[in-house]
Amino acid sequence: MAADEDPYTVLGVTPDATPAQIAHAYRRLIRTLHPDTQPSSGSTSSDSTTLAAAAAAYAILRDPARRAAYDRSRRPRRDQHAAPPPPQPYHRKPDLRAGPVYWHHQ
């Protein structure tokens, strides 16, 4: 699988897909792309690369740790040298007020 291919799009699932949905999509895709299900004369190298891409995508998405690492890498990172966010306006908190204290002696 090339670095620019998204495993979710290769398998045809959404990023919030469950592990069962990912496995179902992988098995469906492999069943259609497998060389044993193709006619013997029509096997091309593009089918094998697509089959390899599907297997690589499933390898990433089936393991929860690898999937979480991939999802973290997908998020845009905040640039270290970017300008800091503008300061928030200062809102003065109300003064703390306490009522009279009554001492009850018995």
PDB file of N, CA and C in Angstrom:
ATOM      1  N   MET A   1       0.853  -1.172   0.000  1.00  0.00           N
ATOM      2  CA  MET A   1       0.000   0.000   0.000  1.00  0.00           C
ATOM      3  C   MET A   1       0.894   1.228   0.000  1.00  0.00           C
ATOM      4  N   ALA A   2       0.622   2.156  -0.896  1.00  0.00           N
ATOM      5  CA  ALA A   2       1.391   3.384  -0.963  1.00  0.00           C
ATOM      6  C   ALA A   2       1.099   4.243   0.262  1.00  0.00           C
ATOM      7  N   ALA A   3       2.039   5.116   0.552  1.00  0.00           N
ATOM      8  CA  ALA A   3       1.907   5.943   1.755  1.00  0.00           C
ATOM      9  C   ALA A   3       0.726   6.901   1.672  1.00  0.00           C
ATOM     10  N   ASP A   4       0.330   7.285   0.446  1.00  0.00           N
ATOM     11  CA  ASP A   4      -0.752   8.257   0.319  1.00  0.00           C
ATOM     12  C   ASP A   4      -2.136   7.620   0.291  1.00  0.00           C
ATOM     13  N   GLU A   5      -2.211   6.282   0.298  1.00  0.00           N
ATOM     14  CA  GLU A   5      -3.510   5.617   0.294  1.00  0.00           C
ATOM     15  C   GLU A   5      -4.065   5.533   1.708  1.00  0.00           C
ATOM     16  N   ASP A   6      -5.322   5.852   1.819  1.00  0.00           N
ATOM     17  CA  ASP A   6      -5.998   5.798   3.109  1.00  0.00           C
ATOM     18  C   ASP A   6      -6.598   4.406   3.280  1.00  0.00           C
ATOM     19  N   PRO A   7      -6.266   3.690   4.354  1.00  0.00           N
ATOM     20  CA  PRO A   7      -6.819   2.339   4.538  1.00  0.00           C
ATOM     21  C   PRO A   7      -8.342   2.316   4.579  1.00  0.00           C
ATOM     22  N   TYR A   8      -8.941   3.371   5.086  1.00  0.00           N
ATOM     23  CA  TYR A   8     -10.398   3.416   5.158  1.00  0.00           C
ATOM     24  C   TYR A   8     -11.012   3.464   3.754  1.00  0.00           C
ATOM     25  N   THR A   9     -10.414   4.237   2.846  1.00  0.00           N
ATOM     26  CA  THR A   9     -10.947   4.310   1.492  1.00  0.00           C
ATOM     27  C   THR A   9     -10.624   3.055   0.697  1.00  0.00           C
ATOM     28  N   VAL A  10      -9.475   2.430   0.974  1.00  0.00           N
ATOM     29  CA  VAL A  10      -9.138   1.185   0.285  1.00  0.00           C
ATOM     30  C   VAL A  10     -10.172   0.118   0.596  1.00  0.00           C
ATOM     31  N   LEU A  11     -10.566   0.020   1.866  1.00  0.00           N
ATOM     32  CA  LEU A  11     -11.554  -0.989   2.257  1.00  0.00           C
ATOM     33  C   LEU A  11     -12.990  -0.519   2.042  1.00  0.00           C
ATOM     34  N   GLY A  12     -13.182   0.773   1.833  1.00  0.00           N
ATOM     35  CA  GLY A  12     -14.521   1.299   1.596  1.00  0.00           C
ATOM     36  C   GLY A  12     -15.354   1.425   2.855  1.00  0.00           C
ATOM     37  N   VAL A  13     -14.712   1.767   3.979  1.00  0.00           N
ATOM     38  CA  VAL A  13     -15.431   1.960   5.237  1.00  0.00           C
ATOM     39  C   VAL A  13     -15.165   3.374   5.741  1.00  0.00           C
ATOM     40  N   THR A  14     -15.967   3.795   6.700  1.00  0.00           N
ATOM     41  CA  THR A  14     -15.783   5.106   7.306  1.00  0.00           C
ATOM     42  C   THR A  14     -14.812   4.999   8.481  1.00  0.00           C
ATOM     43  N   PRO A  15     -14.203   6.109   8.898  1.00  0.00           N
ATOM     44  CA  PRO A  15     -13.276   6.054  10.041  1.00  0.00           C
ATOM     45  C   PRO A  15     -13.918   5.636  11.356  1.00  0.00           C
ATOM     46  N   ASP A  16     -15.221   5.720  11.469  1.00  0.00           N
ATOM     47  CA  ASP A  16     -15.872   5.292  12.708  1.00  0.00           C
ATOM     48  C   ASP A  16     -16.449   3.876  12.597  1.00  0.00           C
ATOM     49  N   ALA A  17     -15.952   3.105  11.633  1.00  0.00           N
ATOM     50  CA  ALA A  17     -16.444   1.736  11.433  1.00  0.00           C
ATOM     51  C   ALA A  17     -16.007   0.836  12.583  1.00  0.00           C
ATOM     52  N   THR A  18     -16.854  -0.121  12.901  1.00  0.00           N
ATOM     53  CA  THR A  18     -16.537  -1.081  13.957  1.00  0.00           C
ATOM     54  C   THR A  18     -15.572  -2.135  13.413  1.00  0.00           C
ATOM     55  N   PRO A  19     -14.889  -2.869  14.297  1.00  0.00           N
ATOM     56  CA  PRO A  19     -14.013  -3.945  13.816  1.00  0.00           C
ATOM     57  C   PRO A  19     -14.757  -4.994  12.984  1.00  0.00           C
ATOM     58  N   ALA A  20     -15.997  -5.261  13.310  1.00  0.00           N
ATOM     59  CA  ALA A  20     -16.778  -6.220  12.530  1.00  0.00           C
ATOM     60  C   ALA A  20     -17.049  -5.690  11.121  1.00  0.00           C
ATOM     61  N   GLN A  21     -17.337  -4.404  10.997  1.00  0.00           N
ATOM     62  CA  GLN A  21     -17.576  -3.811   9.682  1.00  0.00           C
ATOM     63  C   GLN A  21     -16.300  -3.807   8.850  1.00  0.00           C
ATOM     64  N   ILE A  22     -15.162  -3.572   9.501  1.00  0.00           N
ATOM     65  CA  ILE A  22     -13.885  -3.576   8.788  1.00  0.00           C
ATOM     66  C   ILE A  22     -13.574  -4.981   8.286  1.00  0.00           C
ATOM     67  N   ALA A  23     -13.778  -5.985   9.124  1.00  0.00           N
ATOM     68  CA  ALA A  23     -13.521  -7.364   8.713  1.00  0.00           C
ATOM     69  C   ALA A  23     -14.454  -7.778   7.576  1.00  0.00           C
ATOM     70  N   HIS A  24     -15.709  -7.379   7.649  1.00  0.00           N
ATOM     71  CA  HIS A  24     -16.668  -7.711   6.599  1.00  0.00           C
ATOM     72  C   HIS A  24     -16.261  -7.072   5.269  1.00  0.00           C
ATOM     73  N   ALA A  25     -15.858  -5.797   5.312  1.00  0.00           N
ATOM     74  CA  ALA A  25     -15.446  -5.104   4.093  1.00  0.00           C
ATOM     75  C   ALA A  25     -14.187  -5.741   3.507  1.00  0.00           C
ATOM     76  N   TYR A  26     -13.254  -6.119   4.362  1.00  0.00           N
ATOM     77  CA  TYR A  26     -12.024  -6.765   3.886  1.00  0.00           C
ATOM     78  C   TYR A  26     -12.333  -8.100   3.220  1.00  0.00           C
ATOM     79  N   ARG A  27     -13.144  -8.913   3.853  1.00  0.00           N
ATOM     80  CA  ARG A  27     -13.461 -10.228   3.285  1.00  0.00           C
ATOM     81  C   ARG A  27     -14.222 -10.097   1.962  1.00  0.00           C
ATOM     82  N   ARG A  28     -15.124  -9.132   1.891  1.00  0.00           N
ATOM     83  CA  ARG A  28     -15.866  -8.899   0.658  1.00  0.00           C
ATOM     84  C   ARG A  28     -14.919  -8.466  -0.458  1.00  0.00           C
ATOM     85  N   LEU A  29     -13.976  -7.582  -0.146  1.00  0.00           N
ATOM     86  CA  LEU A  29     -13.034  -7.098  -1.143  1.00  0.00           C
ATOM     87  C   LEU A  29     -12.075  -8.191  -1.587  1.00  0.00           C
ATOM     88  N   ILE A  30     -11.576  -8.961  -0.655  1.00  0.00           N
ATOM     89  CA  ILE A  30     -10.658 -10.056  -0.993  1.00  0.00           C
ATOM     90  C   ILE A  30     -11.371 -11.106  -1.843  1.00  0.00           C
ATOM     91  N   ARG A  31     -12.621 -11.371  -1.531  1.00  0.00           N
ATOM     92  CA  ARG A  31     -13.379 -12.365  -2.296  1.00  0.00           C
ATOM     93  C   ARG A  31     -13.517 -11.945  -3.756  1.00  0.00           C
ATOM     94  N   THR A  32     -13.668 -10.649  -3.998  1.00  0.00           N
ATOM     95  CA  THR A  32     -13.820 -10.190  -5.383  1.00  0.00           C
ATOM     96  C   THR A  32     -12.485 -10.048  -6.097  1.00  0.00           C
ATOM     97  N   LEU A  33     -11.399  -9.751  -5.364  1.00  0.00           N
ATOM     98  CA  LEU A  33     -10.101  -9.511  -5.999  1.00  0.00           C
ATOM     99  C   LEU A  33      -9.188 -10.727  -6.047  1.00  0.00           C
ATOM    100  N   HIS A  34      -9.524 -11.770  -5.342  1.00  0.00           N
ATOM    101  CA  HIS A  34      -8.626 -12.927  -5.258  1.00  0.00           C
ATOM    102  C   HIS A  34      -8.440 -13.559  -6.633  1.00  0.00           C
ATOM    103  N   PRO A  35      -7.202 -13.954  -6.972  1.00  0.00           N
ATOM    104  CA  PRO A  35      -6.944 -14.526  -8.297  1.00  0.00           C
ATOM    105  C   PRO A  35      -7.737 -15.803  -8.579  1.00  0.00           C
ATOM    106  N   ASP A  36      -8.101 -16.563  -7.567  1.00  0.00           N
ATOM    107  CA  ASP A  36      -8.861 -17.785  -7.795  1.00  0.00           C
ATOM    108  C   ASP A  36     -10.283 -17.504  -8.261  1.00  0.00           C
ATOM    109  N   THR A  37     -10.794 -16.323  -7.973  1.00  0.00           N
ATOM    110  CA  THR A  37     -12.151 -15.982  -8.401  1.00  0.00           C
ATOM    111  C   THR A  37     -12.162 -15.253  -9.733  1.00  0.00           C
ATOM    112  N   GLN A  38     -10.989 -14.889 -10.243  1.00  0.00           N
ATOM    113  CA  GLN A  38     -10.873 -14.179 -11.516  1.00  0.00           C
ATOM    114  C   GLN A  38     -10.711 -15.182 -12.652  1.00  0.00           C
ATOM    115  N   PRO A  39     -11.103 -14.817 -13.841  1.00  0.00           N
ATOM    116  CA  PRO A  39     -10.830 -15.680 -14.981  1.00  0.00           C
ATOM    117  C   PRO A  39      -9.319 -15.824 -15.166  1.00  0.00           C
ATOM    118  N   SER A  40      -8.866 -16.983 -15.606  1.00  0.00           N
ATOM    119  CA  SER A  40      -7.437 -17.262 -15.695  1.00  0.00           C
ATOM    120  C   SER A  40      -6.716 -16.365 -16.686  1.00  0.00           C
ATOM    121  N   SER A  41      -7.390 -15.883 -17.718  1.00  0.00           N
ATOM    122  CA  SER A  41      -6.714 -15.067 -18.724  1.00  0.00           C
ATOM    123  C   SER A  41      -6.689 -13.589 -18.365  1.00  0.00           C
ATOM    124  N   GLY A  42      -7.530 -13.145 -17.451  1.00  0.00           N
ATOM    125  CA  GLY A  42      -7.648 -11.720 -17.191  1.00  0.00           C
ATOM    126  C   GLY A  42      -6.919 -11.228 -15.965  1.00  0.00           C
ATOM    127  N   SER A  43      -5.980 -11.972 -15.412  1.00  0.00           N
ATOM    128  CA  SER A  43      -5.277 -11.541 -14.208  1.00  0.00           C
ATOM    129  C   SER A  43      -4.234 -10.493 -14.570  1.00  0.00           C
ATOM    130  N   THR A  44      -4.356  -9.303 -14.000  1.00  0.00           N
ATOM    131  CA  THR A  44      -3.411  -8.230 -14.286  1.00  0.00           C
ATOM    132  C   THR A  44      -2.653  -7.861 -13.033  1.00  0.00           C
ATOM    133  N   SER A  45      -1.602  -7.092 -13.225  1.00  0.00           N
ATOM    134  CA  SER A  45      -0.797  -6.670 -12.077  1.00  0.00           C
ATOM    135  C   SER A  45      -1.532  -5.648 -11.227  1.00  0.00           C
ATOM    136  N   SER A  46      -2.476  -4.896 -11.815  1.00  0.00           N
ATOM    137  CA  SER A  46      -3.229  -3.913 -11.027  1.00  0.00           C
ATOM    138  C   SER A  46      -4.123  -4.608 -10.009  1.00  0.00           C
ATOM    139  N   ASP A  47      -4.634  -5.798 -10.363  1.00  0.00           N
ATOM    140  CA  ASP A  47      -5.436  -6.555  -9.408  1.00  0.00           C
ATOM    141  C   ASP A  47      -4.588  -7.006  -8.228  1.00  0.00           C
ATOM    142  N   SER A  48      -3.353  -7.423  -8.505  1.00  0.00           N
ATOM    143  CA  SER A  48      -2.490  -7.880  -7.414  1.00  0.00           C
ATOM    144  C   SER A  48      -2.069  -6.728  -6.526  1.00  0.00           C
ATOM    145  N   THR A  49      -1.853  -5.536  -7.112  1.00  0.00           N
ATOM    146  CA  THR A  49      -1.504  -4.396  -6.259  1.00  0.00           C
ATOM    147  C   THR A  49      -2.711  -3.967  -5.429  1.00  0.00           C
ATOM    148  N   THR A  50      -3.901  -4.062  -5.993  1.00  0.00           N
ATOM    149  CA  THR A  50      -5.102  -3.733  -5.236  1.00  0.00           C
ATOM    150  C   THR A  50      -5.316  -4.750  -4.128  1.00  0.00           C
ATOM    151  N   LEU A  51      -5.038  -6.013  -4.414  1.00  0.00           N
ATOM    152  CA  LEU A  51      -5.138  -7.060  -3.408  1.00  0.00           C
ATOM    153  C   LEU A  51      -4.130  -6.819  -2.288  1.00  0.00           C
ATOM    154  N   ALA A  52      -2.917  -6.426  -2.650  1.00  0.00           N
ATOM    155  CA  ALA A  52      -1.893  -6.123  -1.647  1.00  0.00           C
ATOM    156  C   ALA A  52      -2.274  -4.887  -0.835  1.00  0.00           C
ATOM    157  N   ALA A  53      -2.863  -3.887  -1.497  1.00  0.00           N
ATOM    158  CA  ALA A  53      -3.298  -2.682  -0.786  1.00  0.00           C
ATOM    159  C   ALA A  53      -4.404  -3.013   0.205  1.00  0.00           C
ATOM    160  N   ALA A  54      -5.314  -3.893  -0.182  1.00  0.00           N
ATOM    161  CA  ALA A  54      -6.396  -4.284   0.724  1.00  0.00           C
ATOM    162  C   ALA A  54      -5.839  -5.034   1.920  1.00  0.00           C
ATOM    163  N   ALA A  55      -4.886  -5.923   1.681  1.00  0.00           N
ATOM    164  CA  ALA A  55      -4.289  -6.682   2.788  1.00  0.00           C
ATOM    165  C   ALA A  55      -3.518  -5.761   3.729  1.00  0.00           C
ATOM    166  N   ALA A  56      -2.793  -4.784   3.168  1.00  0.00           N
ATOM    167  CA  ALA A  56      -2.050  -3.840   4.008  1.00  0.00           C
ATOM    168  C   ALA A  56      -2.993  -2.940   4.803  1.00  0.00           C
ATOM    169  N   ALA A  57      -4.081  -2.518   4.173  1.00  0.00           N
ATOM    170  CA  ALA A  57      -5.052  -1.672   4.874  1.00  0.00           C
ATOM    171  C   ALA A  57      -5.693  -2.437   6.018  1.00  0.00           C
ATOM    172  N   TYR A  58      -6.028  -3.690   5.784  1.00  0.00           N
ATOM    173  CA  TYR A  58      -6.637  -4.497   6.839  1.00  0.00           C
ATOM    174  C   TYR A  58      -5.650  -4.767   7.964  1.00  0.00           C
ATOM    175  N   ALA A  59      -4.374  -4.923   7.626  1.00  0.00           N
ATOM    176  CA  ALA A  59      -3.358  -5.141   8.659  1.00  0.00           C
ATOM    177  C   ALA A  59      -3.268  -3.950   9.597  1.00  0.00           C
ATOM    178  N   ILE A  60      -3.469  -2.765   9.072  1.00  0.00           N
ATOM    179  CA  ILE A  60      -3.430  -1.557   9.909  1.00  0.00           C
ATOM    180  C   ILE A  60      -4.701  -1.444  10.749  1.00  0.00           C
ATOM    181  N   LEU A  61      -5.842  -1.669  10.129  1.00  0.00           N
ATOM    182  CA  LEU A  61      -7.116  -1.391  10.801  1.00  0.00           C
ATOM    183  C   LEU A  61      -7.599  -2.509  11.714  1.00  0.00           C
ATOM    184  N   ARG A  62      -7.081  -3.723  11.563  1.00  0.00           N
ATOM    185  CA  ARG A  62      -7.573  -4.804  12.422  1.00  0.00           C
ATOM    186  C   ARG A  62      -6.962  -4.779  13.808  1.00  0.00           C
ATOM    187  N   ASP A  63      -5.756  -4.214  13.937  1.00  0.00           N
ATOM    188  CA  ASP A  63      -5.069  -4.137  15.222  1.00  0.00           C
ATOM    189  C   ASP A  63      -5.439  -2.811  15.890  1.00  0.00           C
ATOM    190  N   PRO A  64      -6.042  -2.837  17.079  1.00  0.00           N
ATOM    191  CA  PRO A  64      -6.472  -1.579  17.713  1.00  0.00           C
ATOM    192  C   PRO A  64      -5.324  -0.595  17.969  1.00  0.00           C
ATOM    193  N   ALA A  65      -4.150  -1.094  18.317  1.00  0.00           N
ATOM    194  CA  ALA A  65      -3.026  -0.191  18.587  1.00  0.00           C
ATOM    195  C   ALA A  65      -2.540   0.468  17.301  1.00  0.00           C
ATOM    196  N   ARG A  66      -2.416  -0.320  16.233  1.00  0.00           N
ATOM    197  CA  ARG A  66      -1.974   0.252  14.951  1.00  0.00           C
ATOM    198  C   ARG A  66      -3.020   1.196  14.379  1.00  0.00           C
ATOM    199  N   ARG A  67      -4.299   0.867  14.576  1.00  0.00           N
ATOM    200  CA  ARG A  67      -5.364   1.736  14.088  1.00  0.00           C
ATOM    201  C   ARG A  67      -5.355   3.065  14.836  1.00  0.00           C
ATOM    202  N   ALA A  68      -5.163   3.021  16.152  1.00  0.00           N
ATOM    203  CA  ALA A  68      -5.109   4.264  16.936  1.00  0.00           C
ATOM    204  C   ALA A  68      -3.911   5.104  16.531  1.00  0.00           C
ATOM    205  N   ALA A  69      -2.771   4.456  16.296  1.00  0.00           N
ATOM    206  CA  ALA A  69      -1.583   5.204  15.858  1.00  0.00           C
ATOM    207  C   ALA A  69      -1.818   5.830  14.491  1.00  0.00           C
ATOM    208  N   TYR A  70      -2.472   5.109  13.597  1.00  0.00           N
ATOM    209  CA  TYR A  70      -2.769   5.664  12.279  1.00  0.00           C
ATOM    210  C   TYR A  70      -3.737   6.831  12.394  1.00  0.00           C
ATOM    211  N   ASP A  71      -4.772   6.696  13.225  1.00  0.00           N
ATOM    212  CA  ASP A  71      -5.737   7.781  13.397  1.00  0.00           C
ATOM    213  C   ASP A  71      -5.075   9.025  13.978  1.00  0.00           C
ATOM    214  N   ARG A  72      -4.128   8.823  14.908  1.00  0.00           N
ATOM    215  CA  ARG A  72      -3.405   9.973  15.454  1.00  0.00           C
ATOM    216  C   ARG A  72      -2.562  10.640  14.385  1.00  0.00           C
ATOM    217  N   SER A  73      -1.982   9.868  13.490  1.00  0.00           N
ATOM    218  CA  SER A  73      -1.138  10.445  12.447  1.00  0.00           C
ATOM    219  C   SER A  73      -1.966  11.172  11.393  1.00  0.00           C
ATOM    220  N   ARG A  74      -3.239  10.835  11.273  1.00  0.00           N
ATOM    221  CA  ARG A  74      -4.107  11.502  10.297  1.00  0.00           C
ATOM    222  C   ARG A  74      -4.470  12.910  10.714  1.00  0.00           C
ATOM    223  N   ARG A  75      -4.533  13.145  12.021  1.00  0.00           N
ATOM    224  CA  ARG A  75      -4.939  14.464  12.502  1.00  0.00           C
ATOM    225  C   ARG A  75      -3.879  15.497  12.156  1.00  0.00           C
ATOM    226  N   PRO A  76      -4.295  16.669  11.726  1.00  0.00           N
ATOM    227  CA  PRO A  76      -3.305  17.708  11.446  1.00  0.00           C
ATOM    228  C   PRO A  76      -2.620  18.145  12.733  1.00  0.00           C
ATOM    229  N   ARG A  77      -1.334  18.247  12.654  1.00  0.00           N
ATOM    230  CA  ARG A  77      -0.570  18.649  13.838  1.00  0.00           C
ATOM    231  C   ARG A  77      -0.457  20.152  13.907  1.00  0.00           C
ATOM    232  N   ARG A  78      -0.440  20.642  15.126  1.00  0.00           N
ATOM    233  CA  ARG A  78      -0.260  22.070  15.342  1.00  0.00           C
ATOM    234  C   ARG A  78       1.212  22.383  15.094  1.00  0.00           C
ATOM    235  N   ASP A  79       1.440  23.368  14.284  1.00  0.00           N
ATOM    236  CA  ASP A  79       2.813  23.736  13.955  1.00  0.00           C
ATOM    237  C   ASP A  79       3.489  24.312  15.196  1.00  0.00           C
ATOM    238  N   GLN A  80       4.695  23.854  15.461  1.00  0.00           N
ATOM    239  CA  GLN A  80       5.429  24.308  16.646  1.00  0.00           C
ATOM    240  C   GLN A  80       5.784  25.790  16.542  1.00  0.00           C
ATOM    241  N   HIS A  81       5.994  26.274  15.325  1.00  0.00           N
ATOM    242  CA  HIS A  81       6.447  27.656  15.159  1.00  0.00           C
ATOM    243  C   HIS A  81       5.314  28.597  14.766  1.00  0.00           C
ATOM    244  N   ALA A  82       4.111  28.143  14.868  1.00  0.00           N
ATOM    245  CA  ALA A  82       2.975  28.992  14.524  1.00  0.00           C
ATOM    246  C   ALA A  82       2.783  30.045  15.613  1.00  0.00           C
ATOM    247  N   ALA A  83       2.126  31.100  15.236  1.00  0.00           N
ATOM    248  CA  ALA A  83       1.865  32.172  16.186  1.00  0.00           C
ATOM    249  C   ALA A  83       0.933  31.656  17.277  1.00  0.00           C
ATOM    250  N   PRO A  84       1.153  32.088  18.505  1.00  0.00           N
ATOM    251  CA  PRO A  84       0.262  31.643  19.580  1.00  0.00           C
ATOM    252  C   PRO A  84      -1.134  32.204  19.362  1.00  0.00           C
ATOM    253  N   PRO A  85      -2.129  31.555  19.907  1.00  0.00           N
ATOM    254  CA  PRO A  85      -3.491  32.071  19.732  1.00  0.00           C
ATOM    255  C   PRO A  85      -3.623  33.432  20.398  1.00  0.00           C
ATOM    256  N   PRO A  86      -4.521  34.258  19.905  1.00  0.00           N
ATOM    257  CA  PRO A  86      -4.677  35.588  20.509  1.00  0.00           C
ATOM    258  C   PRO A  86      -5.144  35.462  21.951  1.00  0.00           C
ATOM    259  N   PRO A  87      -4.742  36.404  22.782  1.00  0.00           N
ATOM    260  CA  PRO A  87      -5.151  36.323  24.188  1.00  0.00           C
ATOM    261  C   PRO A  87      -6.656  36.505  24.318  1.00  0.00           C
ATOM    262  N   GLN A  88      -7.204  35.801  25.267  1.00  0.00           N
ATOM    263  CA  GLN A  88      -8.629  35.904  25.525  1.00  0.00           C
ATOM    264  C   GLN A  88      -8.896  37.176  26.331  1.00  0.00           C
ATOM    265  N   PRO A  89     -10.044  37.789  26.103  1.00  0.00           N
ATOM    266  CA  PRO A  89     -10.345  39.004  26.875  1.00  0.00           C
ATOM    267  C   PRO A  89     -10.467  38.657  28.362  1.00  0.00           C
ATOM    268  N   TYR A  90     -10.020  39.583  29.170  1.00  0.00           N
ATOM    269  CA  TYR A  90     -10.033  39.370  30.606  1.00  0.00           C
ATOM    270  C   TYR A  90     -11.437  39.640  31.122  1.00  0.00           C
ATOM    271  N   HIS A  91     -11.991  38.670  31.771  1.00  0.00           N
ATOM    272  CA  HIS A  91     -13.299  38.830  32.396  1.00  0.00           C
ATOM    273  C   HIS A  91     -13.079  38.816  33.904  1.00  0.00           C
ATOM    274  N   ARG A  92     -13.424  39.918  34.524  1.00  0.00           N
ATOM    275  CA  ARG A  92     -13.238  40.008  35.960  1.00  0.00           C
ATOM    276  C   ARG A  92     -14.287  39.168  36.656  1.00  0.00           C
ATOM    277  N   LYS A  93     -13.830  38.369  37.569  1.00  0.00           N
ATOM    278  CA  LYS A  93     -14.753  37.557  38.339  1.00  0.00           C
ATOM    279  C   LYS A  93     -15.405  38.433  39.397  1.00  0.00           C
ATOM    280  N   PRO A  94     -16.628  38.132  39.768  1.00  0.00           N
ATOM    281  CA  PRO A  94     -17.282  38.945  40.793  1.00  0.00           C
ATOM    282  C   PRO A  94     -16.545  38.801  42.129  1.00  0.00           C
ATOM    283  N   ASP A  95     -16.592  39.873  42.892  1.00  0.00           N
ATOM    284  CA  ASP A  95     -15.956  39.844  44.208  1.00  0.00           C
ATOM    285  C   ASP A  95     -16.617  38.774  45.065  1.00  0.00           C
ATOM    286  N   LEU A  96     -15.822  38.178  45.896  1.00  0.00           N
ATOM    287  CA  LEU A  96     -16.338  37.174  46.811  1.00  0.00           C
ATOM    288  C   LEU A  96     -17.022  37.904  47.960  1.00  0.00           C
ATOM    289  N   ARG A  97     -18.254  37.594  48.181  1.00  0.00           N
ATOM    290  CA  ARG A  97     -19.010  38.239  49.245  1.00  0.00           C
ATOM    291  C   ARG A  97     -19.422  37.185  50.255  1.00  0.00           C
ATOM    292  N   ALA A  98     -19.238  37.482  51.495  1.00  0.00           N
ATOM    293  CA  ALA A  98     -19.666  36.575  52.564  1.00  0.00           C
ATOM    294  C   ALA A  98     -20.596  37.351  53.470  1.00  0.00           C
ATOM    295  N   GLY A  99     -21.635  36.711  53.910  1.00  0.00           N
ATOM    296  CA  GLY A  99     -22.593  37.356  54.803  1.00  0.00           C
ATOM    297  C   GLY A  99     -22.043  37.401  56.218  1.00  0.00           C
ATOM    298  N   PRO A 100     -22.810  37.957  57.115  1.00  0.00           N
ATOM    299  CA  PRO A 100     -22.348  38.026  58.501  1.00  0.00           C
ATOM    300  C   PRO A 100     -22.236  36.620  59.110  1.00  0.00           C
ATOM    301  N   VAL A 101     -21.289  36.484  59.994  1.00  0.00           N
ATOM    302  CA  VAL A 101     -21.082  35.209  60.673  1.00  0.00           C
ATOM    303  C   VAL A 101     -21.689  35.324  62.064  1.00  0.00           C
ATOM    304  N   TYR A 102     -22.558  34.447  62.424  1.00  0.00           N
ATOM    305  CA  TYR A 102     -23.191  34.452  63.729  1.00  0.00           C
ATOM    306  C   TYR A 102     -22.606  33.333  64.567  1.00  0.00           C
ATOM    307  N   TRP A 103     -22.177  33.699  65.763  1.00  0.00           N
ATOM    308  CA  TRP A 103     -21.649  32.713  66.693  1.00  0.00           C
ATOM    309  C   TRP A 103     -22.744  32.410  67.692  1.00  0.00           C
ATOM    310  N   HIS A 104     -23.090  31.189  67.793  1.00  0.00           N
ATOM    311  CA  HIS A 104     -24.117  30.783  68.735  1.00  0.00           C
ATOM    312  C   HIS A 104     -23.447  30.156  69.936  1.00  0.00           C
ATOM    313  N   HIS A 105     -23.600  30.784  71.063  1.00  0.00           N
ATOM    314  CA  HIS A 105     -23.031  30.242  72.307  1.00  0.00           C
ATOM    315  C   HIS A 105     -24.124  29.535  73.064  1.00  0.00           C
ATOM    316  N   GLN A 106     -23.799  28.420  73.580  1.00  0.00           N
ATOM    317  CA  GLN A 106     -24.795  27.703  74.360  1.00  0.00           C
ATOM    318  C   GLN A 106     -24.420  27.622  75.784  1.00  0.00           C
TER     319      GLN A 106
END
